[in-house]
Amino acid sequence: MKTLNFLYDKMALFLLQHFQDIFSNRGRTYSTAHPPRPELCDSCGRSLVNNNSTVFVCGHGYHIDCYHGKCTHCEEF
């Protein structure tokens, strides 16, 4: 039980630090050399005005046909 409590506390501290880092970096920069382009597909460059597209948390957007299982600019998404 002592090991479980230790792991619980360690995970809580990790998550707290991780989200503090995210919060302190918001609006400053992106974690990619290719910043998102508002309302444009990050694969083909055409407009995302129709309903057959999605925008991810990282800000990059893709048409359904242009998306191939992950964001091509961010490894996390």
PDB file of N, CA and C in Angstrom:
ATOM      1  N   MET A   1       0.823  -1.195   0.000  1.00  0.00           N
ATOM      2  CA  MET A   1       0.000   0.000   0.000  1.00  0.00           C
ATOM      3  C   MET A   1       0.871   1.266   0.000  1.00  0.00           C
ATOM      4  N   LYS A   2       2.020   1.205   0.673  1.00  0.00           N
ATOM      5  CA  LYS A   2       2.917   2.352   0.728  1.00  0.00           C
ATOM      6  C   LYS A   2       3.442   2.696  -0.668  1.00  0.00           C
ATOM      7  N   THR A   3       3.763   1.670  -1.459  1.00  0.00           N
ATOM      8  CA  THR A   3       4.245   1.884  -2.825  1.00  0.00           C
ATOM      9  C   THR A   3       3.154   2.522  -3.685  1.00  0.00           C
ATOM     10  N   LEU A   4       1.909   2.077  -3.517  1.00  0.00           N
ATOM     11  CA  LEU A   4       0.801   2.635  -4.285  1.00  0.00           C
ATOM     12  C   LEU A   4       0.594   4.105  -3.953  1.00  0.00           C
ATOM     13  N   ASN A   5       0.664   4.460  -2.685  1.00  0.00           N
ATOM     14  CA  ASN A   5       0.528   5.863  -2.286  1.00  0.00           C
ATOM     15  C   ASN A   5       1.664   6.710  -2.854  1.00  0.00           C
ATOM     16  N   PHE A   6       2.876   6.164  -2.838  1.00  0.00           N
ATOM     17  CA  PHE A   6       4.024   6.869  -3.408  1.00  0.00           C
ATOM     18  C   PHE A   6       3.807   7.133  -4.895  1.00  0.00           C
ATOM     19  N   LEU A   7       3.366   6.108  -5.628  1.00  0.00           N
ATOM     20  CA  LEU A   7       3.124   6.265  -7.068  1.00  0.00           C
ATOM     21  C   LEU A   7       1.990   7.247  -7.335  1.00  0.00           C
ATOM     22  N   TYR A   8       0.976   7.223  -6.519  1.00  0.00           N
ATOM     23  CA  TYR A   8      -0.146   8.160  -6.649  1.00  0.00           C
ATOM     24  C   TYR A   8       0.349   9.592  -6.474  1.00  0.00           C
ATOM     25  N   ASP A   9       1.130   9.836  -5.431  1.00  0.00           N
ATOM     26  CA  ASP A   9       1.669  11.178  -5.186  1.00  0.00           C
ATOM     27  C   ASP A   9       2.610  11.623  -6.305  1.00  0.00           C
ATOM     28  N   LYS A  10       3.434  10.709  -6.777  1.00  0.00           N
ATOM     29  CA  LYS A  10       4.379  11.038  -7.850  1.00  0.00           C
ATOM     30  C   LYS A  10       3.629  11.408  -9.129  1.00  0.00           C
ATOM     31  N   MET A  11       2.575  10.653  -9.470  1.00  0.00           N
ATOM     32  CA  MET A  11       1.777  10.952 -10.664  1.00  0.00           C
ATOM     33  C   MET A  11       1.059  12.286 -10.510  1.00  0.00           C
ATOM     34  N   ALA A  12       0.532  12.563  -9.333  1.00  0.00           N
ATOM     35  CA  ALA A  12      -0.151  13.830  -9.093  1.00  0.00           C
ATOM     36  C   ALA A  12       0.800  15.006  -9.290  1.00  0.00           C
ATOM     37  N   LEU A  13       2.014  14.899  -8.776  1.00  0.00           N
ATOM     38  CA  LEU A  13       2.999  15.966  -8.953  1.00  0.00           C
ATOM     39  C   LEU A  13       3.415  16.125 -10.410  1.00  0.00           C
ATOM     40  N   PHE A  14       3.570  15.004 -11.103  1.00  0.00           N
ATOM     41  CA  PHE A  14       3.915  15.056 -12.527  1.00  0.00           C
ATOM     42  C   PHE A  14       2.835  15.782 -13.318  1.00  0.00           C
ATOM     43  N   LEU A  15       1.575  15.402 -13.088  1.00  0.00           N
ATOM     44  CA  LEU A  15       0.471  16.033 -13.823  1.00  0.00           C
ATOM     45  C   LEU A  15       0.346  17.509 -13.482  1.00  0.00           C
ATOM     46  N   LEU A  16       0.519  17.848 -12.231  1.00  0.00           N
ATOM     47  CA  LEU A  16       0.467  19.252 -11.830  1.00  0.00           C
ATOM     48  C   LEU A  16       1.535  20.060 -12.556  1.00  0.00           C
ATOM     49  N   GLN A  17       2.752  19.572 -12.580  1.00  0.00           N
ATOM     50  CA  GLN A  17       3.840  20.275 -13.272  1.00  0.00           C
ATOM     51  C   GLN A  17       3.581  20.360 -14.767  1.00  0.00           C
ATOM     52  N   HIS A  18       3.090  19.270 -15.344  1.00  0.00           N
ATOM     53  CA  HIS A  18       2.821  19.235 -16.786  1.00  0.00           C
ATOM     54  C   HIS A  18       1.779  20.292 -17.175  1.00  0.00           C
ATOM     55  N   PHE A  19       0.686  20.380 -16.423  1.00  0.00           N
ATOM     56  CA  PHE A  19      -0.349  21.348 -16.759  1.00  0.00           C
ATOM     57  C   PHE A  19       0.058  22.777 -16.407  1.00  0.00           C
ATOM     58  N   GLN A  20       0.909  22.950 -15.419  1.00  0.00           N
ATOM     59  CA  GLN A  20       1.442  24.288 -15.156  1.00  0.00           C
ATOM     60  C   GLN A  20       2.318  24.749 -16.313  1.00  0.00           C
ATOM     61  N   ASP A  21       3.114  23.842 -16.873  1.00  0.00           N
ATOM     62  CA  ASP A  21       3.944  24.178 -18.030  1.00  0.00           C
ATOM     63  C   ASP A  21       3.080  24.552 -19.225  1.00  0.00           C
ATOM     64  N   ILE A  22       2.029  23.802 -19.456  1.00  0.00           N
ATOM     65  CA  ILE A  22       1.115  24.103 -20.561  1.00  0.00           C
ATOM     66  C   ILE A  22       0.477  25.462 -20.349  1.00  0.00           C
ATOM     67  N   PHE A  23      -0.009  25.732 -19.141  1.00  0.00           N
ATOM     68  CA  PHE A  23      -0.662  27.001 -18.847  1.00  0.00           C
ATOM     69  C   PHE A  23       0.297  28.177 -19.012  1.00  0.00           C
ATOM     70  N   SER A  24       1.520  28.030 -18.553  1.00  0.00           N
ATOM     71  CA  SER A  24       2.461  29.142 -18.643  1.00  0.00           C
ATOM     72  C   SER A  24       2.924  29.394 -20.079  1.00  0.00           C
ATOM     73  N   ASN A  25       2.807  28.414 -20.956  1.00  0.00           N
ATOM     74  CA  ASN A  25       3.226  28.582 -22.351  1.00  0.00           C
ATOM     75  C   ASN A  25       2.083  28.908 -23.295  1.00  0.00           C
ATOM     76  N   ARG A  26       0.879  29.000 -22.784  1.00  0.00           N
ATOM     77  CA  ARG A  26      -0.261  29.231 -23.676  1.00  0.00           C
ATOM     78  C   ARG A  26      -0.130  30.581 -24.373  1.00  0.00           C
ATOM     79  N   GLY A  27      -0.428  30.580 -25.642  1.00  0.00           N
ATOM     80  CA  GLY A  27      -0.394  31.799 -26.424  1.00  0.00           C
ATOM     81  C   GLY A  27       0.984  32.281 -26.826  1.00  0.00           C
ATOM     82  N   ARG A  28       2.033  31.665 -26.337  1.00  0.00           N
ATOM     83  CA  ARG A  28       3.384  32.139 -26.655  1.00  0.00           C
ATOM     84  C   ARG A  28       3.950  31.498 -27.913  1.00  0.00           C
ATOM     85  N   THR A  29       3.848  30.210 -27.990  1.00  0.00           N
ATOM     86  CA  THR A  29       4.503  29.512 -29.084  1.00  0.00           C
ATOM     87  C   THR A  29       3.851  28.158 -29.294  1.00  0.00           C
ATOM     88  N   TYR A  30       4.204  27.506 -30.361  1.00  0.00           N
ATOM     89  CA  TYR A  30       3.722  26.164 -30.651  1.00  0.00           C
ATOM     90  C   TYR A  30       4.875  25.186 -30.498  1.00  0.00           C
ATOM     91  N   SER A  31       4.542  23.916 -30.295  1.00  0.00           N
ATOM     92  CA  SER A  31       5.579  22.909 -30.131  1.00  0.00           C
ATOM     93  C   SER A  31       5.964  22.296 -31.472  1.00  0.00           C
ATOM     94  N   THR A  32       5.802  23.060 -32.518  1.00  0.00           N
ATOM     95  CA  THR A  32       6.109  22.587 -33.854  1.00  0.00           C
ATOM     96  C   THR A  32       6.675  23.734 -34.681  1.00  0.00           C
ATOM     97  N   ALA A  33       7.434  23.421 -35.692  1.00  0.00           N
ATOM     98  CA  ALA A  33       7.955  24.456 -36.588  1.00  0.00           C
ATOM     99  C   ALA A  33       6.877  24.918 -37.569  1.00  0.00           C
ATOM    100  N   HIS A  34       5.749  24.229 -37.585  1.00  0.00           N
ATOM    101  CA  HIS A  34       4.654  24.545 -38.504  1.00  0.00           C
ATOM    102  C   HIS A  34       3.433  24.996 -37.700  1.00  0.00           C
ATOM    103  N   PRO A  35       3.307  26.293 -37.390  1.00  0.00           N
ATOM    104  CA  PRO A  35       2.160  26.772 -36.623  1.00  0.00           C
ATOM    105  C   PRO A  35       0.854  26.530 -37.387  1.00  0.00           C
ATOM    106  N   PRO A  36      -0.244  26.316 -36.664  1.00  0.00           N
ATOM    107  CA  PRO A  36      -1.539  26.123 -37.320  1.00  0.00           C
ATOM    108  C   PRO A  36      -1.938  27.345 -38.143  1.00  0.00           C
ATOM    109  N   ARG A  37      -2.647  27.089 -39.227  1.00  0.00           N
ATOM    110  CA  ARG A  37      -3.164  28.170 -40.069  1.00  0.00           C
ATOM    111  C   ARG A  37      -4.678  28.208 -39.890  1.00  0.00           C
ATOM    112  N   PRO A  38      -5.213  29.285 -39.354  1.00  0.00           N
ATOM    113  CA  PRO A  38      -6.648  29.361 -39.081  1.00  0.00           C
ATOM    114  C   PRO A  38      -7.492  29.093 -40.330  1.00  0.00           C
ATOM    115  N   GLU A  39      -8.418  28.191 -40.179  1.00  0.00           N
ATOM    116  CA  GLU A  39      -9.413  27.862 -41.196  1.00  0.00           C
ATOM    117  C   GLU A  39      -8.847  27.261 -42.477  1.00  0.00           C
ATOM    118  N   LEU A  40      -7.599  26.793 -42.460  1.00  0.00           N
ATOM    119  CA  LEU A  40      -7.023  26.141 -43.632  1.00  0.00           C
ATOM    120  C   LEU A  40      -6.557  24.736 -43.272  1.00  0.00           C
ATOM    121  N   CYS A  41      -6.697  23.823 -44.196  1.00  0.00           N
ATOM    122  CA  CYS A  41      -6.220  22.462 -44.007  1.00  0.00           C
ATOM    123  C   CYS A  41      -4.699  22.472 -43.987  1.00  0.00           C
ATOM    124  N   ASP A  42      -4.113  21.853 -42.976  1.00  0.00           N
ATOM    125  CA  ASP A  42      -2.656  21.824 -42.861  1.00  0.00           C
ATOM    126  C   ASP A  42      -2.018  20.798 -43.778  1.00  0.00           C
ATOM    127  N   SER A  43      -2.812  20.116 -44.588  1.00  0.00           N
ATOM    128  CA  SER A  43      -2.263  19.178 -45.559  1.00  0.00           C
ATOM    129  C   SER A  43      -2.322  19.770 -46.967  1.00  0.00           C
ATOM    130  N   CYS A  44      -3.527  20.173 -47.386  1.00  0.00           N
ATOM    131  CA  CYS A  44      -3.686  20.649 -48.763  1.00  0.00           C
ATOM    132  C   CYS A  44      -3.759  22.171 -48.888  1.00  0.00           C
ATOM    133  N   GLY A  45      -4.018  22.876 -47.772  1.00  0.00           N
ATOM    134  CA  GLY A  45      -4.064  24.337 -47.802  1.00  0.00           C
ATOM    135  C   GLY A  45      -5.406  24.932 -48.197  1.00  0.00           C
ATOM    136  N   ARG A  46      -6.389  24.085 -48.484  1.00  0.00           N
ATOM    137  CA  ARG A  46      -7.713  24.606 -48.843  1.00  0.00           C
ATOM    138  C   ARG A  46      -8.521  24.937 -47.596  1.00  0.00           C
ATOM    139  N   SER A  47      -9.590  25.660 -47.771  1.00  0.00           N
ATOM    140  CA  SER A  47     -10.436  26.128 -46.683  1.00  0.00           C
ATOM    141  C   SER A  47     -11.121  24.976 -45.951  1.00  0.00           C
ATOM    142  N   LEU A  48     -11.328  25.144 -44.632  1.00  0.00           N
ATOM    143  CA  LEU A  48     -12.015  24.151 -43.805  1.00  0.00           C
ATOM    144  C   LEU A  48     -13.448  24.577 -43.491  1.00  0.00           C
ATOM    145  N   VAL A  49     -14.103  25.290 -44.385  1.00  0.00           N
ATOM    146  CA  VAL A  49     -15.428  25.828 -44.081  1.00  0.00           C
ATOM    147  C   VAL A  49     -16.539  24.778 -44.090  1.00  0.00           C
ATOM    148  N   ASN A  50     -16.332  23.651 -44.687  1.00  0.00           N
ATOM    149  CA  ASN A  50     -17.391  22.650 -44.734  1.00  0.00           C
ATOM    150  C   ASN A  50     -17.330  21.723 -43.524  1.00  0.00           C
ATOM    151  N   ASN A  51     -18.293  20.818 -43.418  1.00  0.00           N
ATOM    152  CA  ASN A  51     -18.393  19.931 -42.257  1.00  0.00           C
ATOM    153  C   ASN A  51     -17.540  18.667 -42.365  1.00  0.00           C
ATOM    154  N   ASN A  52     -16.786  18.493 -43.425  1.00  0.00           N
ATOM    155  CA  ASN A  52     -15.974  17.281 -43.564  1.00  0.00           C
ATOM    156  C   ASN A  52     -14.527  17.524 -43.146  1.00  0.00           C
ATOM    157  N   SER A  53     -14.361  18.244 -42.017  1.00  0.00           N
ATOM    158  CA  SER A  53     -13.022  18.553 -41.533  1.00  0.00           C
ATOM    159  C   SER A  53     -13.021  18.540 -40.014  1.00  0.00           C
ATOM    160  N   THR A  54     -11.823  18.528 -39.436  1.00  0.00           N
ATOM    161  CA  THR A  54     -11.677  18.552 -37.979  1.00  0.00           C
ATOM    162  C   THR A  54     -10.433  19.345 -37.612  1.00  0.00           C
ATOM    163  N   VAL A  55     -10.476  19.985 -36.448  1.00  0.00           N
ATOM    164  CA  VAL A  55      -9.331  20.714 -35.913  1.00  0.00           C
ATOM    165  C   VAL A  55      -8.966  20.052 -34.593  1.00  0.00           C
ATOM    166  N   PHE A  56      -7.691  19.721 -34.414  1.00  0.00           N
ATOM    167  CA  PHE A  56      -7.229  19.028 -33.229  1.00  0.00           C
ATOM    168  C   PHE A  56      -6.835  20.003 -32.129  1.00  0.00           C
ATOM    169  N   VAL A  57      -6.563  19.492 -30.952  1.00  0.00           N
ATOM    170  CA  VAL A  57      -6.153  20.302 -29.808  1.00  0.00           C
ATOM    171  C   VAL A  57      -4.900  21.105 -30.121  1.00  0.00           C
ATOM    172  N   CYS A  58      -4.023  20.547 -30.927  1.00  0.00           N
ATOM    173  CA  CYS A  58      -2.786  21.249 -31.285  1.00  0.00           C
ATOM    174  C   CYS A  58      -3.051  22.461 -32.178  1.00  0.00           C
ATOM    175  N   GLY A  59      -4.280  22.564 -32.722  1.00  0.00           N
ATOM    176  CA  GLY A  59      -4.639  23.686 -33.579  1.00  0.00           C
ATOM    177  C   GLY A  59      -4.576  23.385 -35.056  1.00  0.00           C
ATOM    178  N   HIS A  60      -3.938  22.290 -35.439  1.00  0.00           N
ATOM    179  CA  HIS A  60      -3.865  21.914 -36.846  1.00  0.00           C
ATOM    180  C   HIS A  60      -5.189  21.304 -37.272  1.00  0.00           C
ATOM    181  N   GLY A  61      -5.621  21.655 -38.480  1.00  0.00           N
ATOM    182  CA  GLY A  61      -6.883  21.158 -38.998  1.00  0.00           C
ATOM    183  C   GLY A  61      -6.697  20.408 -40.301  1.00  0.00           C
ATOM    184  N   TYR A  62      -7.574  19.443 -40.534  1.00  0.00           N
ATOM    185  CA  TYR A  62      -7.481  18.606 -41.727  1.00  0.00           C
ATOM    186  C   TYR A  62      -8.867  18.291 -42.262  1.00  0.00           C
ATOM    187  N   HIS A  63      -8.968  18.168 -43.584  1.00  0.00           N
ATOM    188  CA  HIS A  63     -10.150  17.566 -44.180  1.00  0.00           C
ATOM    189  C   HIS A  63     -10.115  16.080 -43.847  1.00  0.00           C
ATOM    190  N   ILE A  64     -11.262  15.455 -43.794  1.00  0.00           N
ATOM    191  CA  ILE A  64     -11.325  14.019 -43.506  1.00  0.00           C
ATOM    192  C   ILE A  64     -10.470  13.241 -44.506  1.00  0.00           C
ATOM    193  N   ASP A  65     -10.513  13.627 -45.768  1.00  0.00           N
ATOM    194  CA  ASP A  65      -9.740  12.938 -46.799  1.00  0.00           C
ATOM    195  C   ASP A  65      -8.229  13.194 -46.685  1.00  0.00           C
ATOM    196  N   CYS A  66      -7.836  14.291 -46.054  1.00  0.00           N
ATOM    197  CA  CYS A  66      -6.422  14.635 -45.927  1.00  0.00           C
ATOM    198  C   CYS A  66      -5.784  14.056 -44.663  1.00  0.00           C
ATOM    199  N   TYR A  67      -6.600  13.637 -43.720  1.00  0.00           N
ATOM    200  CA  TYR A  67      -6.089  13.127 -42.444  1.00  0.00           C
ATOM    201  C   TYR A  67      -5.707  11.658 -42.590  1.00  0.00           C
ATOM    202  N   HIS A  68      -4.493  11.321 -42.142  1.00  0.00           N
ATOM    203  CA  HIS A  68      -3.988   9.950 -42.291  1.00  0.00           C
ATOM    204  C   HIS A  68      -3.605   9.322 -40.957  1.00  0.00           C
ATOM    205  N   GLY A  69      -4.430   9.509 -39.942  1.00  0.00           N
ATOM    206  CA  GLY A  69      -4.228   8.835 -38.669  1.00  0.00           C
ATOM    207  C   GLY A  69      -3.480   9.599 -37.595  1.00  0.00           C
ATOM    208  N   LYS A  70      -2.796  10.685 -37.946  1.00  0.00           N
ATOM    209  CA  LYS A  70      -2.136  11.535 -36.951  1.00  0.00           C
ATOM    210  C   LYS A  70      -1.819  12.883 -37.575  1.00  0.00           C
ATOM    211  N   CYS A  71      -1.601  13.856 -36.711  1.00  0.00           N
ATOM    212  CA  CYS A  71      -1.202  15.185 -37.169  1.00  0.00           C
ATOM    213  C   CYS A  71       0.194  15.053 -37.772  1.00  0.00           C
ATOM    214  N   THR A  72       0.374  15.551 -38.979  1.00  0.00           N
ATOM    215  CA  THR A  72       1.675  15.418 -39.635  1.00  0.00           C
ATOM    216  C   THR A  72       2.709  16.379 -39.070  1.00  0.00           C
ATOM    217  N   HIS A  73       2.293  17.321 -38.250  1.00  0.00           N
ATOM    218  CA  HIS A  73       3.210  18.309 -37.694  1.00  0.00           C
ATOM    219  C   HIS A  73       3.492  18.110 -36.204  1.00  0.00           C
ATOM    220  N   CYS A  74       2.613  17.404 -35.520  1.00  0.00           N
ATOM    221  CA  CYS A  74       2.766  17.162 -34.076  1.00  0.00           C
ATOM    222  C   CYS A  74       2.710  15.670 -33.822  1.00  0.00           C
ATOM    223  N   GLU A  75       3.688  15.147 -33.179  1.00  0.00           N
ATOM    224  CA  GLU A  75       3.728  13.697 -32.939  1.00  0.00           C
ATOM    225  C   GLU A  75       2.742  13.250 -31.880  1.00  0.00           C
ATOM    226  N   GLU A  76       2.280  14.167 -31.013  1.00  0.00           N
ATOM    227  CA  GLU A  76       1.403  13.778 -29.922  1.00  0.00           C
ATOM    228  C   GLU A  76      -0.039  13.562 -30.360  1.00  0.00           C
ATOM    229  N   PHE A  77      -0.457  14.101 -31.512  1.00  0.00           N
ATOM    230  CA  PHE A  77      -1.871  14.039 -31.890  1.00  0.00           C
ATOM    231  C   PHE A  77      -2.078  13.233 -33.140  1.00  0.00           C
TER     232      PHE A  77
END
